[in-house]
Amino acid sequence: MKETIAINKYVELTYKILDQSNGEIIEQVDEPLGYVHGDNSLLFNEVTRALEGKSVGDQVKTSLDCTQAFGPRLEELTFTDDIDNVPIEFRSIGTSVTMENDKGKTKDFIVTKIENNKLTVDGNHPLAGKDIVFLVEVLSIRDATKEEIIAGGPVSQS
């Protein structure tokens, strides 16, 4: 009987994330990625549900709107300031900056733009506001070990 994806099965897969509006590949993982089905700390709920009952070699295509994926883009998470007010170590595109609010909660922001002596940081996920298509290929399925079930995925051998 063919092995199918179910709770506590260890599954290896590869995936692509495409921009729903133009079909452009946003992210691609070609190395096998392993997870324990049912733990759901790795995949979006809709993708996990679509994988249920699938077998090795199956390809699953799931369309997700931004609210099901990386959330809507929130303009209040984008800040621009004079570059002179920003420490030198944060003055390059792609730099991560951790900020803390008055309640002590921290959030990571990324420097996304520097122009006209202004620097912009953005706390949105880079894919926030995008409707995406998640393409998954199932590579292997087996019973997960107790250790993998506890960890929710691969357990490093030390």
N, C-alpha and C. Protein backbone atom coordinates (compact mmCIF):
# COMPACT_ATOMS: atom_id res chain seq x y z
N MET A 1 0.84 -1.19 0.00
CA MET A 1 0.00 0.00 0.00
C MET A 1 0.88 1.25 0.00
N LYS A 2 0.46 2.24 -0.74
CA LYS A 2 1.23 3.47 -0.88
C LYS A 2 1.14 4.31 0.39
N GLU A 3 2.31 4.79 0.86
CA GLU A 3 2.38 5.65 2.05
C GLU A 3 1.74 7.01 1.72
N THR A 4 0.89 7.52 2.62
CA THR A 4 0.27 8.83 2.41
C THR A 4 0.54 9.74 3.61
N ILE A 5 0.44 11.02 3.36
CA ILE A 5 0.70 12.01 4.41
C ILE A 5 -0.45 12.01 5.40
N ALA A 6 -0.09 11.86 6.68
CA ALA A 6 -1.06 11.88 7.77
C ALA A 6 -0.35 12.36 9.03
N ILE A 7 -1.08 12.55 10.10
CA ILE A 7 -0.52 13.01 11.37
C ILE A 7 0.65 12.10 11.78
N ASN A 8 1.72 12.72 12.25
CA ASN A 8 2.93 12.06 12.74
C ASN A 8 3.71 11.30 11.66
N LYS A 9 3.50 11.68 10.41
CA LYS A 9 4.35 11.18 9.33
C LYS A 9 5.46 12.21 9.12
N TYR A 10 6.68 11.72 8.90
CA TYR A 10 7.79 12.61 8.57
C TYR A 10 7.77 12.77 7.05
N VAL A 11 7.69 14.01 6.59
CA VAL A 11 7.54 14.30 5.17
C VAL A 11 8.71 15.17 4.72
N GLU A 12 9.29 14.82 3.58
CA GLU A 12 10.29 15.69 2.96
C GLU A 12 9.69 16.22 1.67
N LEU A 13 9.93 17.50 1.44
CA LEU A 13 9.36 18.15 0.27
C LEU A 13 10.26 19.27 -0.22
N THR A 14 9.98 19.74 -1.42
CA THR A 14 10.57 20.97 -1.93
C THR A 14 9.39 21.88 -2.25
N TYR A 15 9.67 23.18 -2.35
CA TYR A 15 8.56 24.07 -2.67
C TYR A 15 9.03 25.30 -3.41
N LYS A 16 8.05 25.94 -4.03
CA LYS A 16 8.23 27.24 -4.67
C LYS A 16 7.09 28.12 -4.20
N ILE A 17 7.39 29.40 -4.01
CA ILE A 17 6.34 30.39 -3.74
C ILE A 17 6.34 31.32 -4.94
N LEU A 18 5.17 31.48 -5.55
CA LEU A 18 5.02 32.35 -6.71
C LEU A 18 4.12 33.53 -6.37
N ASP A 19 4.41 34.66 -6.99
CA ASP A 19 3.54 35.83 -6.89
C ASP A 19 2.30 35.53 -7.72
N GLN A 20 1.12 35.55 -7.08
CA GLN A 20 -0.12 35.21 -7.77
C GLN A 20 -0.42 36.15 -8.92
N SER A 21 0.03 37.40 -8.81
CA SER A 21 -0.32 38.40 -9.83
C SER A 21 0.44 38.21 -11.14
N ASN A 22 1.67 37.69 -11.08
CA ASN A 22 2.45 37.60 -12.31
C ASN A 22 3.16 36.25 -12.51
N GLY A 23 2.99 35.32 -11.57
CA GLY A 23 3.59 34.00 -11.70
C GLY A 23 5.09 33.94 -11.44
N GLU A 24 5.66 35.07 -11.05
CA GLU A 24 7.10 35.14 -10.78
C GLU A 24 7.46 34.34 -9.53
N ILE A 25 8.58 33.60 -9.61
CA ILE A 25 9.04 32.84 -8.45
C ILE A 25 9.64 33.81 -7.44
N ILE A 26 9.08 33.81 -6.22
CA ILE A 26 9.54 34.68 -5.14
C ILE A 26 10.57 33.96 -4.29
N GLU A 27 10.32 32.68 -4.05
CA GLU A 27 11.21 31.88 -3.22
C GLU A 27 11.17 30.45 -3.74
N GLN A 28 12.32 29.78 -3.68
CA GLN A 28 12.38 28.40 -4.14
C GLN A 28 13.30 27.62 -3.23
N VAL A 29 12.86 26.44 -2.78
CA VAL A 29 13.66 25.56 -1.95
C VAL A 29 13.82 24.24 -2.69
N ASP A 30 15.05 23.96 -3.14
CA ASP A 30 15.32 22.74 -3.90
C ASP A 30 15.91 21.63 -3.04
N GLU A 31 16.47 22.00 -1.89
CA GLU A 31 16.98 20.99 -0.96
C GLU A 31 15.79 20.43 -0.18
N PRO A 32 15.74 19.11 0.03
CA PRO A 32 14.60 18.55 0.77
C PRO A 32 14.44 19.19 2.14
N LEU A 33 13.22 19.57 2.42
CA LEU A 33 12.86 20.19 3.69
C LEU A 33 11.96 19.20 4.42
N GLY A 34 12.34 18.83 5.66
CA GLY A 34 11.57 17.84 6.40
C GLY A 34 10.75 18.44 7.51
N TYR A 35 9.58 17.85 7.74
CA TYR A 35 8.72 18.29 8.85
C TYR A 35 7.86 17.11 9.29
N VAL A 36 7.30 17.21 10.47
CA VAL A 36 6.37 16.20 10.96
C VAL A 36 4.95 16.72 10.72
N HIS A 37 4.19 15.98 9.94
CA HIS A 37 2.83 16.42 9.62
C HIS A 37 1.96 16.41 10.88
N GLY A 38 1.27 17.51 11.08
CA GLY A 38 0.43 17.65 12.27
C GLY A 38 1.03 18.64 13.26
N ASP A 39 2.36 18.83 13.19
CA ASP A 39 3.01 19.81 14.06
C ASP A 39 2.69 21.22 13.57
N ASN A 40 2.76 21.40 12.26
CA ASN A 40 2.35 22.62 11.56
C ASN A 40 3.08 23.88 11.99
N SER A 41 4.33 23.77 12.36
CA SER A 41 5.08 24.99 12.64
C SER A 41 5.84 25.45 11.40
N LEU A 42 5.81 24.66 10.33
CA LEU A 42 6.58 24.96 9.14
C LEU A 42 5.74 25.54 8.01
N LEU A 43 4.56 24.99 7.81
CA LEU A 43 3.75 25.34 6.64
C LEU A 43 2.48 26.09 7.03
N PHE A 44 1.94 26.82 6.07
CA PHE A 44 0.64 27.47 6.29
C PHE A 44 -0.43 26.40 6.45
N ASN A 45 -1.45 26.68 7.26
CA ASN A 45 -2.53 25.72 7.51
C ASN A 45 -3.15 25.19 6.22
N GLU A 46 -3.39 26.07 5.26
CA GLU A 46 -4.03 25.68 4.01
C GLU A 46 -3.16 24.69 3.24
N VAL A 47 -1.84 24.89 3.27
CA VAL A 47 -0.91 23.99 2.58
C VAL A 47 -0.90 22.64 3.28
N THR A 48 -0.86 22.66 4.61
CA THR A 48 -0.89 21.41 5.38
C THR A 48 -2.14 20.61 5.06
N ARG A 49 -3.29 21.28 5.01
CA ARG A 49 -4.55 20.59 4.70
C ARG A 49 -4.51 20.00 3.28
N ALA A 50 -3.93 20.75 2.34
CA ALA A 50 -3.86 20.27 0.96
C ALA A 50 -2.93 19.06 0.82
N LEU A 51 -1.94 18.95 1.70
CA LEU A 51 -1.00 17.83 1.64
C LEU A 51 -1.56 16.55 2.25
N GLU A 52 -2.54 16.67 3.12
CA GLU A 52 -3.14 15.51 3.80
C GLU A 52 -3.58 14.46 2.76
N GLY A 53 -3.11 13.22 2.94
CA GLY A 53 -3.50 12.13 2.05
C GLY A 53 -2.70 12.01 0.77
N LYS A 54 -1.76 12.94 0.54
CA LYS A 54 -0.95 12.89 -0.68
C LYS A 54 0.17 11.87 -0.54
N SER A 55 0.75 11.47 -1.68
CA SER A 55 1.79 10.44 -1.72
C SER A 55 3.07 11.00 -2.35
N VAL A 56 4.14 10.21 -2.26
CA VAL A 56 5.42 10.59 -2.87
C VAL A 56 5.21 10.84 -4.36
N GLY A 57 5.78 11.93 -4.85
CA GLY A 57 5.65 12.30 -6.26
C GLY A 57 4.50 13.26 -6.52
N ASP A 58 3.56 13.36 -5.59
CA ASP A 58 2.44 14.28 -5.78
C ASP A 58 2.93 15.72 -5.71
N GLN A 59 2.30 16.56 -6.52
CA GLN A 59 2.56 18.00 -6.47
C GLN A 59 1.26 18.67 -6.04
N VAL A 60 1.40 19.60 -5.12
CA VAL A 60 0.23 20.28 -4.56
C VAL A 60 0.38 21.78 -4.83
N LYS A 61 -0.69 22.37 -5.35
CA LYS A 61 -0.70 23.81 -5.65
C LYS A 61 -1.79 24.44 -4.79
N THR A 62 -1.38 25.41 -3.95
CA THR A 62 -2.33 26.07 -3.06
C THR A 62 -2.21 27.58 -3.23
N SER A 63 -3.32 28.23 -3.55
CA SER A 63 -3.33 29.70 -3.66
C SER A 63 -3.71 30.29 -2.31
N LEU A 64 -2.95 31.28 -1.88
CA LEU A 64 -3.20 31.93 -0.59
C LEU A 64 -3.28 33.44 -0.80
N ASP A 65 -4.31 34.06 -0.24
CA ASP A 65 -4.31 35.53 -0.28
C ASP A 65 -3.43 36.03 0.86
N CYS A 66 -3.12 37.29 0.86
CA CYS A 66 -2.14 37.82 1.82
C CYS A 66 -2.55 37.57 3.27
N THR A 67 -3.85 37.52 3.56
CA THR A 67 -4.26 37.31 4.95
C THR A 67 -4.01 35.87 5.41
N GLN A 68 -3.94 34.93 4.46
CA GLN A 68 -3.65 33.54 4.79
C GLN A 68 -2.14 33.27 4.80
N ALA A 69 -1.37 34.18 4.23
CA ALA A 69 0.07 33.96 4.08
C ALA A 69 0.85 34.87 5.02
N PHE A 70 1.40 35.95 4.49
CA PHE A 70 2.31 36.80 5.27
C PHE A 70 1.66 38.05 5.83
N GLY A 71 0.33 38.13 5.71
CA GLY A 71 -0.40 39.26 6.27
C GLY A 71 -0.47 40.44 5.33
N PRO A 72 -1.37 41.36 5.63
CA PRO A 72 -1.47 42.57 4.82
C PRO A 72 -0.27 43.48 5.08
N ARG A 73 0.02 44.32 4.14
CA ARG A 73 1.10 45.29 4.31
C ARG A 73 0.58 46.45 5.15
N LEU A 74 1.27 46.75 6.26
CA LEU A 74 0.86 47.81 7.17
C LEU A 74 1.81 49.00 7.04
N GLU A 75 1.29 50.09 6.53
CA GLU A 75 2.14 51.28 6.32
C GLU A 75 2.67 51.84 7.64
N GLU A 76 1.95 51.59 8.75
CA GLU A 76 2.42 52.10 10.05
C GLU A 76 3.68 51.38 10.53
N LEU A 77 4.11 50.34 9.81
CA LEU A 77 5.37 49.66 10.15
C LEU A 77 6.53 50.13 9.28
N THR A 78 6.33 51.23 8.56
CA THR A 78 7.38 51.83 7.74
C THR A 78 7.71 53.21 8.29
N PHE A 79 9.01 53.44 8.54
CA PHE A 79 9.46 54.71 9.12
C PHE A 79 10.61 55.28 8.31
N THR A 80 10.58 56.59 8.10
CA THR A 80 11.65 57.29 7.40
C THR A 80 12.19 58.38 8.31
N ASP A 81 13.52 58.52 8.34
CA ASP A 81 14.15 59.53 9.19
C ASP A 81 15.38 60.08 8.47
N ASP A 82 15.87 61.22 8.94
CA ASP A 82 17.12 61.76 8.40
C ASP A 82 18.22 60.75 8.68
N ILE A 83 19.05 60.50 7.69
CA ILE A 83 20.12 59.51 7.83
C ILE A 83 21.07 59.88 8.97
N ASP A 84 21.21 61.17 9.25
CA ASP A 84 22.10 61.61 10.33
C ASP A 84 21.61 61.16 11.71
N ASN A 85 20.33 60.81 11.83
CA ASN A 85 19.77 60.33 13.10
C ASN A 85 19.94 58.82 13.28
N VAL A 86 20.53 58.17 12.27
CA VAL A 86 20.66 56.71 12.28
C VAL A 86 22.13 56.35 12.47
N PRO A 87 22.43 55.47 13.45
CA PRO A 87 23.83 55.05 13.63
C PRO A 87 24.43 54.49 12.33
N ILE A 88 25.71 54.73 12.12
CA ILE A 88 26.40 54.35 10.89
C ILE A 88 26.22 52.86 10.56
N GLU A 89 26.25 51.99 11.59
CA GLU A 89 26.17 50.55 11.32
C GLU A 89 24.84 50.11 10.70
N PHE A 90 23.83 50.99 10.72
CA PHE A 90 22.53 50.65 10.15
C PHE A 90 22.28 51.35 8.81
N ARG A 91 23.29 51.98 8.25
CA ARG A 91 23.11 52.78 7.04
C ARG A 91 23.40 52.01 5.76
N SER A 92 22.85 50.81 5.63
CA SER A 92 22.95 50.09 4.35
C SER A 92 21.69 49.26 4.14
N ILE A 93 21.28 49.21 2.87
CA ILE A 93 20.07 48.49 2.48
C ILE A 93 20.19 47.02 2.90
N GLY A 94 19.11 46.48 3.47
CA GLY A 94 19.10 45.07 3.88
C GLY A 94 19.51 44.84 5.32
N THR A 95 20.04 45.87 5.97
CA THR A 95 20.46 45.74 7.37
C THR A 95 19.24 45.55 8.25
N SER A 96 19.35 44.64 9.21
CA SER A 96 18.27 44.40 10.16
C SER A 96 18.47 45.27 11.40
N VAL A 97 17.40 45.90 11.84
CA VAL A 97 17.43 46.77 13.01
C VAL A 97 16.34 46.28 13.97
N THR A 98 16.70 45.97 15.20
CA THR A 98 15.71 45.58 16.20
C THR A 98 15.33 46.80 17.00
N MET A 99 14.04 47.10 17.03
CA MET A 99 13.54 48.26 17.76
C MET A 99 12.65 47.79 18.90
N GLU A 100 12.56 48.62 19.93
CA GLU A 100 11.75 48.29 21.10
C GLU A 100 10.74 49.41 21.32
N ASN A 101 9.47 49.01 21.60
CA ASN A 101 8.47 50.04 21.86
C ASN A 101 8.46 50.39 23.36
N ASP A 102 7.59 51.32 23.75
CA ASP A 102 7.56 51.79 25.14
C ASP A 102 7.09 50.71 26.12
N LYS A 103 6.56 49.59 25.61
CA LYS A 103 6.13 48.48 26.48
C LYS A 103 7.22 47.40 26.57
N GLY A 104 8.36 47.64 25.90
CA GLY A 104 9.47 46.68 25.96
C GLY A 104 9.39 45.58 24.92
N LYS A 105 8.40 45.64 24.03
CA LYS A 105 8.26 44.63 22.99
C LYS A 105 9.18 44.97 21.82
N THR A 106 9.91 43.96 21.32
CA THR A 106 10.85 44.22 20.21
C THR A 106 10.28 43.74 18.88
N LYS A 107 10.75 44.35 17.81
CA LYS A 107 10.37 43.98 16.44
C LYS A 107 11.54 44.26 15.53
N ASP A 108 11.75 43.37 14.58
CA ASP A 108 12.83 43.57 13.60
C ASP A 108 12.32 44.38 12.42
N PHE A 109 13.14 45.30 11.98
CA PHE A 109 12.88 46.12 10.81
C PHE A 109 14.06 45.96 9.86
N ILE A 110 13.81 46.15 8.57
CA ILE A 110 14.86 46.05 7.56
C ILE A 110 15.00 47.42 6.89
N VAL A 111 16.25 47.84 6.69
CA VAL A 111 16.50 49.08 5.94
C VAL A 111 16.17 48.78 4.48
N THR A 112 15.17 49.49 3.94
CA THR A 112 14.71 49.20 2.58
C THR A 112 15.05 50.29 1.57
N LYS A 113 15.35 51.50 2.05
CA LYS A 113 15.61 52.58 1.10
C LYS A 113 16.49 53.64 1.75
N ILE A 114 17.43 54.15 0.96
CA ILE A 114 18.23 55.30 1.38
C ILE A 114 18.29 56.24 0.17
N GLU A 115 17.71 57.43 0.33
CA GLU A 115 17.78 58.42 -0.74
C GLU A 115 17.50 59.81 -0.18
N ASN A 116 18.13 60.81 -0.80
CA ASN A 116 17.97 62.21 -0.39
C ASN A 116 18.23 62.41 1.11
N ASN A 117 19.29 61.78 1.62
CA ASN A 117 19.67 61.86 3.03
C ASN A 117 18.59 61.37 3.99
N LYS A 118 17.72 60.49 3.49
CA LYS A 118 16.67 59.88 4.30
C LYS A 118 16.88 58.36 4.26
N LEU A 119 16.56 57.72 5.39
CA LEU A 119 16.66 56.27 5.49
C LEU A 119 15.30 55.72 5.89
N THR A 120 14.85 54.66 5.21
CA THR A 120 13.56 54.05 5.49
C THR A 120 13.76 52.63 6.00
N VAL A 121 13.06 52.31 7.10
CA VAL A 121 13.04 50.94 7.62
C VAL A 121 11.61 50.43 7.52
N ASP A 122 11.47 49.10 7.35
CA ASP A 122 10.16 48.48 7.17
C ASP A 122 10.06 47.26 8.08
N GLY A 123 9.01 47.21 8.91
CA GLY A 123 8.79 46.10 9.81
C GLY A 123 7.86 45.03 9.25
N ASN A 124 7.37 45.23 8.03
CA ASN A 124 6.53 44.23 7.39
C ASN A 124 7.38 43.06 6.91
N HIS A 125 6.80 41.87 6.86
CA HIS A 125 7.47 40.74 6.22
C HIS A 125 7.67 41.14 4.76
N PRO A 126 8.79 40.76 4.14
CA PRO A 126 9.02 41.16 2.73
C PRO A 126 7.90 40.74 1.78
N LEU A 127 7.14 39.70 2.13
CA LEU A 127 6.05 39.25 1.27
C LEU A 127 4.67 39.70 1.76
N ALA A 128 4.64 40.57 2.76
CA ALA A 128 3.36 41.08 3.26
C ALA A 128 2.60 41.77 2.13
N GLY A 129 1.30 41.55 2.10
CA GLY A 129 0.45 42.18 1.10
C GLY A 129 0.40 41.43 -0.22
N LYS A 130 1.19 40.37 -0.37
CA LYS A 130 1.20 39.62 -1.63
C LYS A 130 0.30 38.39 -1.53
N ASP A 131 -0.49 38.19 -2.58
CA ASP A 131 -1.23 36.94 -2.75
C ASP A 131 -0.26 36.00 -3.43
N ILE A 132 -0.16 34.77 -2.92
CA ILE A 132 0.87 33.85 -3.43
C ILE A 132 0.27 32.51 -3.84
N VAL A 133 1.07 31.77 -4.58
CA VAL A 133 0.77 30.38 -4.91
C VAL A 133 1.91 29.57 -4.33
N PHE A 134 1.57 28.55 -3.55
CA PHE A 134 2.54 27.68 -2.90
C PHE A 134 2.53 26.37 -3.69
N LEU A 135 3.65 26.03 -4.34
CA LEU A 135 3.77 24.78 -5.09
C LEU A 135 4.69 23.84 -4.32
N VAL A 136 4.17 22.66 -3.97
CA VAL A 136 4.92 21.72 -3.15
C VAL A 136 5.05 20.40 -3.89
N GLU A 137 6.24 19.79 -3.83
CA GLU A 137 6.41 18.43 -4.36
C GLU A 137 6.81 17.52 -3.21
N VAL A 138 6.08 16.42 -3.04
CA VAL A 138 6.33 15.46 -1.97
C VAL A 138 7.45 14.51 -2.42
N LEU A 139 8.54 14.48 -1.64
CA LEU A 139 9.70 13.65 -1.98
C LEU A 139 9.72 12.32 -1.22
N SER A 140 9.37 12.36 0.07
CA SER A 140 9.38 11.11 0.85
C SER A 140 8.41 11.22 2.01
N ILE A 141 7.93 10.05 2.45
CA ILE A 141 7.01 9.96 3.59
C ILE A 141 7.39 8.71 4.38
N ARG A 142 7.46 8.85 5.69
CA ARG A 142 7.70 7.70 6.56
C ARG A 142 7.14 8.01 7.93
N ASP A 143 7.08 7.01 8.79
CA ASP A 143 6.68 7.27 10.17
C ASP A 143 7.74 8.12 10.85
N ALA A 144 7.32 9.13 11.56
CA ALA A 144 8.26 9.98 12.30
C ALA A 144 8.71 9.24 13.56
N THR A 145 9.95 9.50 13.96
CA THR A 145 10.43 8.94 15.22
C THR A 145 9.84 9.75 16.37
N LYS A 146 9.92 9.19 17.58
CA LYS A 146 9.44 9.92 18.77
C LYS A 146 10.13 11.27 18.89
N GLU A 147 11.46 11.26 18.65
CA GLU A 147 12.25 12.50 18.76
C GLU A 147 11.79 13.54 17.74
N GLU A 148 11.52 13.09 16.51
CA GLU A 148 11.06 14.02 15.46
C GLU A 148 9.68 14.57 15.79
N ILE A 149 8.81 13.76 16.36
CA ILE A 149 7.47 14.22 16.74
C ILE A 149 7.59 15.30 17.81
N ILE A 150 8.46 15.07 18.80
CA ILE A 150 8.67 16.06 19.86
C ILE A 150 9.24 17.36 19.28
N ALA A 151 10.21 17.23 18.36
CA ALA A 151 10.87 18.40 17.77
C ALA A 151 10.02 19.05 16.68
N GLY A 152 9.10 18.31 16.10
CA GLY A 152 8.28 18.84 15.00
C GLY A 152 8.98 18.78 13.67
N GLY A 153 10.14 18.11 13.63
CA GLY A 153 10.90 18.04 12.37
C GLY A 153 12.18 17.29 12.57
N PRO A 154 13.16 17.53 11.70
CA PRO A 154 14.42 16.79 11.76
C PRO A 154 15.13 16.98 13.11
N VAL A 155 15.76 15.92 13.55
CA VAL A 155 16.52 15.96 14.77
C VAL A 155 18.00 15.82 14.40
N SER A 156 18.82 16.80 14.79
CA SER A 156 20.22 16.73 14.40
C SER A 156 20.92 15.64 15.19
N GLN A 157 21.76 14.92 14.48
CA GLN A 157 22.53 13.83 15.09
C GLN A 157 23.84 14.41 15.57
N SER A 158 24.07 14.42 16.90
CA SER A 158 25.31 15.00 17.39
C SER A 158 26.24 13.95 17.92
